Protein backbone atom coordinates (compact mmCIF):
# COMPACT_ATOMS: atom_id res chain seq x y z
CA UNK A 1 0.00 0.00 0.00
CA UNK A 2 2.82 2.41 0.87
CA UNK A 3 4.51 1.66 -2.46
CA UNK A 4 1.28 2.49 -4.28
CA UNK A 5 1.06 5.90 -2.55
CA UNK A 6 4.71 6.62 -3.37
CA UNK A 7 4.14 5.63 -6.98
CA UNK A 8 1.13 7.99 -7.25
CA UNK A 9 3.15 10.82 -5.66
CA UNK A 10 6.00 10.25 -8.16
CA UNK A 11 3.55 10.23 -11.07
CA UNK A 12 1.98 13.46 -9.84
CA UNK A 13 5.40 15.07 -9.39
CA UNK A 14 6.48 13.91 -12.84
CA UNK A 15 3.32 15.33 -14.43
CA UNK A 16 3.86 18.68 -12.68
CA UNK A 17 7.45 18.80 -13.91
CA UNK A 18 6.38 18.06 -17.49
CA UNK A 19 3.68 20.71 -17.27
CA UNK A 20 6.28 23.25 -16.18
CA UNK A 21 8.61 22.34 -19.04
CA UNK A 22 5.97 22.14 -21.73
CA UNK A 23 4.32 25.37 -20.54
CA UNK A 24 0.64 24.62 -20.61
CA UNK A 25 -1.41 27.61 -21.77
CA UNK A 26 -2.90 29.77 -19.07
CA UNK A 27 -6.63 29.70 -18.64
CA UNK A 28 -8.34 32.28 -20.85
CA UNK A 29 -10.58 34.95 -19.37
CA UNK A 30 -14.15 35.37 -20.57
CA UNK A 31 -12.99 38.53 -22.34
CA UNK A 32 -10.27 36.66 -24.23
CA UNK A 33 -12.71 33.96 -25.27
CA UNK A 34 -15.19 36.56 -26.53
CA UNK A 35 -12.50 38.50 -28.42
CA UNK A 36 -11.39 35.26 -30.05
CA UNK A 37 -14.98 34.67 -31.18
CA UNK A 38 -15.32 38.28 -32.40
CA UNK A 39 -12.09 37.99 -34.39
CA UNK A 40 -13.19 34.75 -36.02
CA UNK A 41 -16.41 36.49 -37.14
CA UNK A 42 -14.75 39.78 -38.13
CA UNK A 43 -15.95 41.10 -41.48
CA UNK A 44 -13.99 44.29 -42.08
CA UNK A 45 -15.12 46.80 -44.70
CA UNK A 46 -12.74 47.04 -47.66
CA UNK A 47 -11.52 50.38 -46.29
CA UNK A 48 -10.23 48.80 -43.05
CA UNK A 49 -7.25 46.70 -42.07
CA UNK A 50 -6.30 45.07 -38.76
CA UNK A 51 -2.80 44.65 -37.34
CA UNK A 52 -1.48 43.12 -34.12
CA UNK A 53 1.53 45.16 -32.87
CA UNK A 54 2.27 42.60 -30.13
CA UNK A 55 1.76 39.61 -32.44
CA UNK A 56 -1.34 37.60 -33.21
CA UNK A 57 -1.17 35.87 -29.82
CA UNK A 58 -2.26 39.11 -28.13
CA UNK A 59 -5.83 39.61 -29.30
CA UNK A 60 -6.53 42.04 -26.46
CA UNK A 61 -4.45 44.78 -28.14
CA UNK A 62 -4.71 45.53 -31.82
CA UNK A 63 -4.96 48.36 -34.32
CA UNK A 64 -7.45 49.14 -37.03
CA UNK A 65 -6.51 51.35 -39.99
CA UNK A 66 -9.31 53.09 -41.83
CA UNK A 67 -8.79 54.51 -45.34
CA UNK A 68 -12.04 56.27 -46.27
CA UNK A 69 -12.86 56.16 -49.96
CA UNK A 70 -15.49 58.91 -50.00
CA UNK A 71 -16.47 62.32 -48.62
CA UNK A 72 -14.26 64.68 -46.61
CA UNK A 73 -11.62 62.19 -45.45
CA UNK A 74 -11.15 60.32 -48.73
CA UNK A 75 -7.57 59.18 -49.20
CA UNK A 76 -6.58 59.56 -45.55
CA UNK A 77 -5.21 56.78 -43.36
CA UNK A 78 -6.38 56.80 -39.75
CA UNK A 79 -5.13 54.34 -37.11
CA UNK A 80 -7.05 53.35 -34.00
CA UNK A 81 -5.69 51.35 -31.08
CA UNK A 82 -7.98 48.92 -29.25
CA UNK A 83 -7.39 47.74 -25.69
CA UNK A 84 -9.78 45.08 -24.54
CA UNK A 85 -10.54 44.59 -20.85
CA UNK A 86 -10.64 41.08 -19.34
CA UNK A 87 -14.31 41.75 -18.51
CA UNK A 88 -15.20 42.42 -22.16
CA UNK A 89 -18.00 42.36 -23.39
CA UNK A 90 -19.43 43.80 -20.17
CA UNK A 91 -17.48 46.97 -20.79
CA UNK A 92 -16.50 48.42 -24.16
CA UNK A 93 -12.96 48.38 -25.52
CA UNK A 94 -10.80 51.46 -24.98
CA UNK A 95 -10.34 52.95 -28.44
CA UNK A 96 -7.96 55.81 -29.27
CA UNK A 97 -7.19 57.45 -32.59
CA UNK A 98 -3.41 57.35 -33.06
CA UNK A 99 -3.57 59.70 -36.04
CA UNK A 100 -4.01 63.39 -35.21
CA UNK A 101 -7.07 64.37 -37.19
CA UNK A 102 -9.24 67.45 -37.71
CA UNK A 103 -12.61 65.91 -36.89
CA UNK A 104 -15.62 67.02 -34.82
CA UNK A 105 -15.94 63.62 -33.10
CA UNK A 106 -12.24 62.98 -32.39
CA UNK A 107 -10.26 65.35 -30.20
CA UNK A 108 -6.61 66.25 -30.65
CA UNK A 109 -5.58 63.68 -28.00
CA UNK A 110 -7.23 60.85 -29.93
CA UNK A 111 -10.34 60.41 -27.79
CA UNK A 112 -13.28 59.21 -29.85
CA UNK A 113 -16.89 60.31 -29.42
CA UNK A 114 -18.88 57.27 -30.51
CA UNK A 115 -22.01 56.47 -28.52
CA UNK A 116 -21.47 52.70 -28.62
CA UNK A 117 -18.13 53.19 -26.85
CA UNK A 118 -19.91 54.97 -24.00
CA UNK A 119 -23.51 55.06 -22.85
CA UNK A 120 -24.97 52.91 -25.64
CA UNK A 121 -22.58 49.99 -25.15
CA UNK A 122 -24.26 46.61 -24.72
CA UNK A 123 -22.60 43.19 -24.38
CA UNK A 124 -24.30 42.02 -27.59
CA UNK A 125 -22.20 44.52 -29.56
CA UNK A 126 -18.84 43.37 -30.88
CA UNK A 127 -15.59 44.49 -32.50
CA UNK A 128 -17.20 44.47 -35.94
CA UNK A 129 -19.88 46.92 -34.76
CA UNK A 130 -17.23 49.29 -33.41
CA UNK A 131 -15.19 49.18 -36.61
CA UNK A 132 -18.27 50.03 -38.68
CA UNK A 133 -19.09 52.84 -36.25
CA UNK A 134 -15.58 54.28 -36.56
CA UNK A 135 -15.72 53.96 -40.32
CA UNK A 136 -19.03 55.83 -40.33
CA UNK A 137 -17.44 58.75 -38.45
CA UNK A 138 -15.43 59.46 -41.60
CA UNK A 139 -18.34 59.27 -44.01
CA UNK A 140 -20.75 61.19 -41.78
CA UNK A 141 -19.05 63.34 -39.12
CA UNK A 142 -21.57 64.51 -36.53
CA UNK A 143 -21.42 68.17 -35.46
CA UNK A 144 -24.19 67.62 -32.88
CA UNK A 145 -22.09 65.50 -30.49
CA UNK A 146 -18.58 66.99 -30.70
CA UNK A 147 -15.31 66.47 -28.90
CA UNK A 148 -13.54 69.01 -31.11
CA UNK A 149 -15.88 71.99 -30.84
CA UNK A 150 -13.94 74.16 -33.31
CA UNK A 151 -14.20 71.53 -36.07
CA UNK A 152 -17.84 70.98 -35.18
CA UNK A 153 -18.70 74.68 -35.46
CA UNK A 154 -16.97 74.95 -38.84
CA UNK A 155 -18.75 71.83 -40.15
CA UNK A 156 -22.11 73.20 -39.02
CA UNK A 157 -21.58 76.79 -40.23
CA UNK A 158 -19.38 76.42 -43.32
CA UNK A 159 -19.05 72.90 -44.82
CA UNK A 160 -16.79 74.19 -47.64
CA UNK A 161 -14.33 75.65 -45.14
CA UNK A 162 -14.55 72.42 -43.14
CA UNK A 163 -13.60 70.45 -46.26
CA UNK A 164 -10.67 72.81 -46.94
CA UNK A 165 -9.49 72.43 -43.32
CA UNK A 166 -9.69 68.63 -43.53
CA UNK A 167 -7.66 68.63 -46.76
CA UNK A 168 -5.07 70.98 -45.23
CA UNK A 169 -4.76 68.81 -42.12
CA UNK A 170 -4.52 65.55 -44.07
CA UNK A 171 -1.86 66.99 -46.40
CA UNK A 172 0.29 67.89 -43.41
CA UNK A 173 -0.40 71.47 -42.46
CA UNK A 174 -1.85 73.87 -39.95
CA UNK A 175 -5.49 74.46 -39.18
CA UNK A 176 -5.50 77.48 -36.95
CA UNK A 177 -2.54 77.06 -34.60
CA UNK A 178 -2.63 73.24 -34.67
CA UNK A 179 -0.24 71.29 -36.85
CA UNK A 180 -1.35 67.98 -38.34
CA UNK A 181 1.09 65.44 -39.76
CA UNK A 182 0.45 64.16 -43.26
CA UNK A 183 -1.87 61.14 -43.26
CA UNK A 184 -2.54 60.70 -46.97
C-alpha atoms as a PDB file:
ATOM      1  CA  UNK A   1       0.000   0.000   0.000  1.00  0.00           C
ATOM      2  CA  UNK A   2       2.825   2.414   0.875  1.00  0.00           C
ATOM      3  CA  UNK A   3       4.509   1.663  -2.459  1.00  0.00           C
ATOM      4  CA  UNK A   4       1.280   2.489  -4.276  1.00  0.00           C
ATOM      5  CA  UNK A   5       1.056   5.901  -2.555  1.00  0.00           C
ATOM      6  CA  UNK A   6       4.713   6.620  -3.366  1.00  0.00           C
ATOM      7  CA  UNK A   7       4.140   5.627  -6.984  1.00  0.00           C
ATOM      8  CA  UNK A   8       1.127   7.986  -7.254  1.00  0.00           C
ATOM      9  CA  UNK A   9       3.153  10.817  -5.659  1.00  0.00           C
ATOM     10  CA  UNK A  10       6.002  10.250  -8.162  1.00  0.00           C
ATOM     11  CA  UNK A  11       3.546  10.225 -11.072  1.00  0.00           C
ATOM     12  CA  UNK A  12       1.975  13.457  -9.845  1.00  0.00           C
ATOM     13  CA  UNK A  13       5.401  15.067  -9.394  1.00  0.00           C
ATOM     14  CA  UNK A  14       6.483  13.910 -12.841  1.00  0.00           C
ATOM     15  CA  UNK A  15       3.316  15.326 -14.428  1.00  0.00           C
ATOM     16  CA  UNK A  16       3.856  18.683 -12.683  1.00  0.00           C
ATOM     17  CA  UNK A  17       7.453  18.802 -13.907  1.00  0.00           C
ATOM     18  CA  UNK A  18       6.384  18.065 -17.492  1.00  0.00           C
ATOM     19  CA  UNK A  19       3.679  20.714 -17.270  1.00  0.00           C
ATOM     20  CA  UNK A  20       6.283  23.251 -16.175  1.00  0.00           C
ATOM     21  CA  UNK A  21       8.608  22.335 -19.039  1.00  0.00           C
ATOM     22  CA  UNK A  22       5.969  22.141 -21.728  1.00  0.00           C
ATOM     23  CA  UNK A  23       4.316  25.371 -20.540  1.00  0.00           C
ATOM     24  CA  UNK A  24       0.637  24.616 -20.608  1.00  0.00           C
ATOM     25  CA  UNK A  25      -1.409  27.614 -21.770  1.00  0.00           C
ATOM     26  CA  UNK A  26      -2.904  29.769 -19.075  1.00  0.00           C
ATOM     27  CA  UNK A  27      -6.625  29.699 -18.638  1.00  0.00           C
ATOM     28  CA  UNK A  28      -8.341  32.278 -20.852  1.00  0.00           C
ATOM     29  CA  UNK A  29     -10.577  34.948 -19.366  1.00  0.00           C
ATOM     30  CA  UNK A  30     -14.151  35.366 -20.569  1.00  0.00           C
ATOM     31  CA  UNK A  31     -12.990  38.534 -22.341  1.00  0.00           C
ATOM     32  CA  UNK A  32     -10.272  36.660 -24.229  1.00  0.00           C
ATOM     33  CA  UNK A  33     -12.714  33.965 -25.269  1.00  0.00           C
ATOM     34  CA  UNK A  34     -15.189  36.559 -26.526  1.00  0.00           C
ATOM     35  CA  UNK A  35     -12.503  38.503 -28.423  1.00  0.00           C
ATOM     36  CA  UNK A  36     -11.386  35.259 -30.053  1.00  0.00           C
ATOM     37  CA  UNK A  37     -14.981  34.670 -31.177  1.00  0.00           C
ATOM     38  CA  UNK A  38     -15.325  38.279 -32.402  1.00  0.00           C
ATOM     39  CA  UNK A  39     -12.085  37.988 -34.392  1.00  0.00           C
ATOM     40  CA  UNK A  40     -13.187  34.753 -36.021  1.00  0.00           C
ATOM     41  CA  UNK A  41     -16.412  36.487 -37.143  1.00  0.00           C
ATOM     42  CA  UNK A  42     -14.751  39.781 -38.131  1.00  0.00           C
ATOM     43  CA  UNK A  43     -15.953  41.103 -41.477  1.00  0.00           C
ATOM     44  CA  UNK A  44     -13.988  44.289 -42.083  1.00  0.00           C
ATOM     45  CA  UNK A  45     -15.116  46.800 -44.701  1.00  0.00           C
ATOM     46  CA  UNK A  46     -12.741  47.036 -47.659  1.00  0.00           C
ATOM     47  CA  UNK A  47     -11.523  50.376 -46.289  1.00  0.00           C
ATOM     48  CA  UNK A  48     -10.235  48.802 -43.047  1.00  0.00           C
ATOM     49  CA  UNK A  49      -7.253  46.698 -42.070  1.00  0.00           C
ATOM     50  CA  UNK A  50      -6.304  45.068 -38.761  1.00  0.00           C
ATOM     51  CA  UNK A  51      -2.796  44.646 -37.343  1.00  0.00           C
ATOM     52  CA  UNK A  52      -1.478  43.118 -34.123  1.00  0.00           C
ATOM     53  CA  UNK A  53       1.529  45.158 -32.874  1.00  0.00           C
ATOM     54  CA  UNK A  54       2.269  42.601 -30.128  1.00  0.00           C
ATOM     55  CA  UNK A  55       1.763  39.611 -32.436  1.00  0.00           C
ATOM     56  CA  UNK A  56      -1.344  37.599 -33.206  1.00  0.00           C
ATOM     57  CA  UNK A  57      -1.172  35.868 -29.823  1.00  0.00           C
ATOM     58  CA  UNK A  58      -2.256  39.114 -28.131  1.00  0.00           C
ATOM     59  CA  UNK A  59      -5.826  39.608 -29.300  1.00  0.00           C
ATOM     60  CA  UNK A  60      -6.530  42.042 -26.458  1.00  0.00           C
ATOM     61  CA  UNK A  61      -4.452  44.782 -28.136  1.00  0.00           C
ATOM     62  CA  UNK A  62      -4.708  45.527 -31.824  1.00  0.00           C
ATOM     63  CA  UNK A  63      -4.960  48.364 -34.315  1.00  0.00           C
ATOM     64  CA  UNK A  64      -7.447  49.136 -37.035  1.00  0.00           C
ATOM     65  CA  UNK A  65      -6.506  51.351 -39.993  1.00  0.00           C
ATOM     66  CA  UNK A  66      -9.311  53.085 -41.832  1.00  0.00           C
ATOM     67  CA  UNK A  67      -8.794  54.508 -45.335  1.00  0.00           C
ATOM     68  CA  UNK A  68     -12.038  56.275 -46.265  1.00  0.00           C
ATOM     69  CA  UNK A  69     -12.857  56.163 -49.960  1.00  0.00           C
ATOM     70  CA  UNK A  70     -15.489  58.908 -50.001  1.00  0.00           C
ATOM     71  CA  UNK A  71     -16.471  62.319 -48.620  1.00  0.00           C
ATOM     72  CA  UNK A  72     -14.260  64.680 -46.608  1.00  0.00           C
ATOM     73  CA  UNK A  73     -11.625  62.185 -45.454  1.00  0.00           C
ATOM     74  CA  UNK A  74     -11.152  60.324 -48.734  1.00  0.00           C
ATOM     75  CA  UNK A  75      -7.567  59.176 -49.197  1.00  0.00           C
ATOM     76  CA  UNK A  76      -6.578  59.557 -45.554  1.00  0.00           C
ATOM     77  CA  UNK A  77      -5.214  56.782 -43.362  1.00  0.00           C
ATOM     78  CA  UNK A  78      -6.378  56.802 -39.748  1.00  0.00           C
ATOM     79  CA  UNK A  79      -5.128  54.340 -37.114  1.00  0.00           C
ATOM     80  CA  UNK A  80      -7.046  53.353 -34.001  1.00  0.00           C
ATOM     81  CA  UNK A  81      -5.694  51.349 -31.082  1.00  0.00           C
ATOM     82  CA  UNK A  82      -7.983  48.920 -29.253  1.00  0.00           C
ATOM     83  CA  UNK A  83      -7.386  47.744 -25.690  1.00  0.00           C
ATOM     84  CA  UNK A  84      -9.784  45.078 -24.536  1.00  0.00           C
ATOM     85  CA  UNK A  85     -10.544  44.589 -20.846  1.00  0.00           C
ATOM     86  CA  UNK A  86     -10.638  41.078 -19.340  1.00  0.00           C
ATOM     87  CA  UNK A  87     -14.311  41.748 -18.511  1.00  0.00           C
ATOM     88  CA  UNK A  88     -15.197  42.424 -22.160  1.00  0.00           C
ATOM     89  CA  UNK A  89     -18.003  42.362 -23.387  1.00  0.00           C
ATOM     90  CA  UNK A  90     -19.432  43.803 -20.172  1.00  0.00           C
ATOM     91  CA  UNK A  91     -17.483  46.973 -20.788  1.00  0.00           C
ATOM     92  CA  UNK A  92     -16.496  48.418 -24.158  1.00  0.00           C
ATOM     93  CA  UNK A  93     -12.959  48.383 -25.519  1.00  0.00           C
ATOM     94  CA  UNK A  94     -10.798  51.462 -24.982  1.00  0.00           C
ATOM     95  CA  UNK A  95     -10.342  52.955 -28.444  1.00  0.00           C
ATOM     96  CA  UNK A  96      -7.959  55.809 -29.273  1.00  0.00           C
ATOM     97  CA  UNK A  97      -7.193  57.451 -32.589  1.00  0.00           C
ATOM     98  CA  UNK A  98      -3.413  57.349 -33.057  1.00  0.00           C
ATOM     99  CA  UNK A  99      -3.574  59.703 -36.043  1.00  0.00           C
ATOM    100  CA  UNK A 100      -4.012  63.386 -35.213  1.00  0.00           C
ATOM    101  CA  UNK A 101      -7.071  64.370 -37.194  1.00  0.00           C
ATOM    102  CA  UNK A 102      -9.244  67.450 -37.706  1.00  0.00           C
ATOM    103  CA  UNK A 103     -12.614  65.908 -36.886  1.00  0.00           C
ATOM    104  CA  UNK A 104     -15.616  67.021 -34.815  1.00  0.00           C
ATOM    105  CA  UNK A 105     -15.936  63.623 -33.096  1.00  0.00           C
ATOM    106  CA  UNK A 106     -12.237  62.983 -32.393  1.00  0.00           C
ATOM    107  CA  UNK A 107     -10.264  65.354 -30.204  1.00  0.00           C
ATOM    108  CA  UNK A 108      -6.607  66.247 -30.653  1.00  0.00           C
ATOM    109  CA  UNK A 109      -5.576  63.681 -27.998  1.00  0.00           C
ATOM    110  CA  UNK A 110      -7.228  60.852 -29.930  1.00  0.00           C
ATOM    111  CA  UNK A 111     -10.341  60.413 -27.786  1.00  0.00           C
ATOM    112  CA  UNK A 112     -13.281  59.214 -29.846  1.00  0.00           C
ATOM    113  CA  UNK A 113     -16.887  60.306 -29.417  1.00  0.00           C
ATOM    114  CA  UNK A 114     -18.881  57.273 -30.512  1.00  0.00           C
ATOM    115  CA  UNK A 115     -22.013  56.469 -28.525  1.00  0.00           C
ATOM    116  CA  UNK A 116     -21.472  52.698 -28.618  1.00  0.00           C
ATOM    117  CA  UNK A 117     -18.133  53.185 -26.853  1.00  0.00           C
ATOM    118  CA  UNK A 118     -19.907  54.968 -24.003  1.00  0.00           C
ATOM    119  CA  UNK A 119     -23.511  55.064 -22.852  1.00  0.00           C
ATOM    120  CA  UNK A 120     -24.971  52.910 -25.638  1.00  0.00           C
ATOM    121  CA  UNK A 121     -22.575  49.988 -25.146  1.00  0.00           C
ATOM    122  CA  UNK A 122     -24.263  46.614 -24.720  1.00  0.00           C
ATOM    123  CA  UNK A 123     -22.596  43.194 -24.382  1.00  0.00           C
ATOM    124  CA  UNK A 124     -24.301  42.017 -27.587  1.00  0.00           C
ATOM    125  CA  UNK A 125     -22.197  44.525 -29.563  1.00  0.00           C
ATOM    126  CA  UNK A 126     -18.840  43.370 -30.885  1.00  0.00           C
ATOM    127  CA  UNK A 127     -15.592  44.495 -32.503  1.00  0.00           C
ATOM    128  CA  UNK A 128     -17.199  44.473 -35.937  1.00  0.00           C
ATOM    129  CA  UNK A 129     -19.875  46.924 -34.758  1.00  0.00           C
ATOM    130  CA  UNK A 130     -17.232  49.292 -33.407  1.00  0.00           C
ATOM    131  CA  UNK A 131     -15.187  49.183 -36.614  1.00  0.00           C
ATOM    132  CA  UNK A 132     -18.270  50.027 -38.684  1.00  0.00           C
ATOM    133  CA  UNK A 133     -19.089  52.840 -36.249  1.00  0.00           C
ATOM    134  CA  UNK A 134     -15.577  54.279 -36.564  1.00  0.00           C
ATOM    135  CA  UNK A 135     -15.725  53.963 -40.322  1.00  0.00           C
ATOM    136  CA  UNK A 136     -19.035  55.830 -40.329  1.00  0.00           C
ATOM    137  CA  UNK A 137     -17.444  58.745 -38.452  1.00  0.00           C
ATOM    138  CA  UNK A 138     -15.428  59.458 -41.596  1.00  0.00           C
ATOM    139  CA  UNK A 139     -18.341  59.273 -44.015  1.00  0.00           C
ATOM    140  CA  UNK A 140     -20.748  61.186 -41.779  1.00  0.00           C
ATOM    141  CA  UNK A 141     -19.045  63.337 -39.125  1.00  0.00           C
ATOM    142  CA  UNK A 142     -21.571  64.511 -36.534  1.00  0.00           C
ATOM    143  CA  UNK A 143     -21.416  68.165 -35.457  1.00  0.00           C
ATOM    144  CA  UNK A 144     -24.191  67.617 -32.881  1.00  0.00           C
ATOM    145  CA  UNK A 145     -22.091  65.496 -30.489  1.00  0.00           C
ATOM    146  CA  UNK A 146     -18.581  66.987 -30.697  1.00  0.00           C
ATOM    147  CA  UNK A 147     -15.311  66.465 -28.903  1.00  0.00           C
ATOM    148  CA  UNK A 148     -13.538  69.011 -31.111  1.00  0.00           C
ATOM    149  CA  UNK A 149     -15.882  71.991 -30.842  1.00  0.00           C
ATOM    150  CA  UNK A 150     -13.939  74.159 -33.313  1.00  0.00           C
ATOM    151  CA  UNK A 151     -14.198  71.534 -36.068  1.00  0.00           C
ATOM    152  CA  UNK A 152     -17.845  70.979 -35.179  1.00  0.00           C
ATOM    153  CA  UNK A 153     -18.701  74.682 -35.456  1.00  0.00           C
ATOM    154  CA  UNK A 154     -16.971  74.947 -38.842  1.00  0.00           C
ATOM    155  CA  UNK A 155     -18.749  71.826 -40.146  1.00  0.00           C
ATOM    156  CA  UNK A 156     -22.109  73.197 -39.019  1.00  0.00           C
ATOM    157  CA  UNK A 157     -21.580  76.785 -40.234  1.00  0.00           C
ATOM    158  CA  UNK A 158     -19.377  76.419 -43.321  1.00  0.00           C
ATOM    159  CA  UNK A 159     -19.049  72.905 -44.816  1.00  0.00           C
ATOM    160  CA  UNK A 160     -16.791  74.191 -47.643  1.00  0.00           C
ATOM    161  CA  UNK A 161     -14.332  75.652 -45.137  1.00  0.00           C
ATOM    162  CA  UNK A 162     -14.548  72.422 -43.139  1.00  0.00           C
ATOM    163  CA  UNK A 163     -13.600  70.452 -46.257  1.00  0.00           C
ATOM    164  CA  UNK A 164     -10.671  72.814 -46.941  1.00  0.00           C
ATOM    165  CA  UNK A 165      -9.489  72.429 -43.324  1.00  0.00           C
ATOM    166  CA  UNK A 166      -9.695  68.630 -43.530  1.00  0.00           C
ATOM    167  CA  UNK A 167      -7.657  68.632 -46.763  1.00  0.00           C
ATOM    168  CA  UNK A 168      -5.070  70.979 -45.231  1.00  0.00           C
ATOM    169  CA  UNK A 169      -4.760  68.814 -42.118  1.00  0.00           C
ATOM    170  CA  UNK A 170      -4.521  65.547 -44.067  1.00  0.00           C
ATOM    171  CA  UNK A 171      -1.861  66.990 -46.399  1.00  0.00           C
ATOM    172  CA  UNK A 172       0.293  67.890 -43.407  1.00  0.00           C
ATOM    173  CA  UNK A 173      -0.400  71.469 -42.459  1.00  0.00           C
ATOM    174  CA  UNK A 174      -1.849  73.868 -39.950  1.00  0.00           C
ATOM    175  CA  UNK A 175      -5.490  74.455 -39.178  1.00  0.00           C
ATOM    176  CA  UNK A 176      -5.501  77.485 -36.946  1.00  0.00           C
ATOM    177  CA  UNK A 177      -2.540  77.057 -34.599  1.00  0.00           C
ATOM    178  CA  UNK A 178      -2.634  73.244 -34.665  1.00  0.00           C
ATOM    179  CA  UNK A 179      -0.236  71.287 -36.848  1.00  0.00           C
ATOM    180  CA  UNK A 180      -1.353  67.975 -38.338  1.00  0.00           C
ATOM    181  CA  UNK A 181       1.089  65.441 -39.764  1.00  0.00           C
ATOM    182  CA  UNK A 182       0.448  64.156 -43.264  1.00  0.00           C
ATOM    183  CA  UNK A 183      -1.868  61.144 -43.259  1.00  0.00           C
ATOM    184  CA  UNK A 184      -2.542  60.695 -46.967  1.00  0.00           C
END
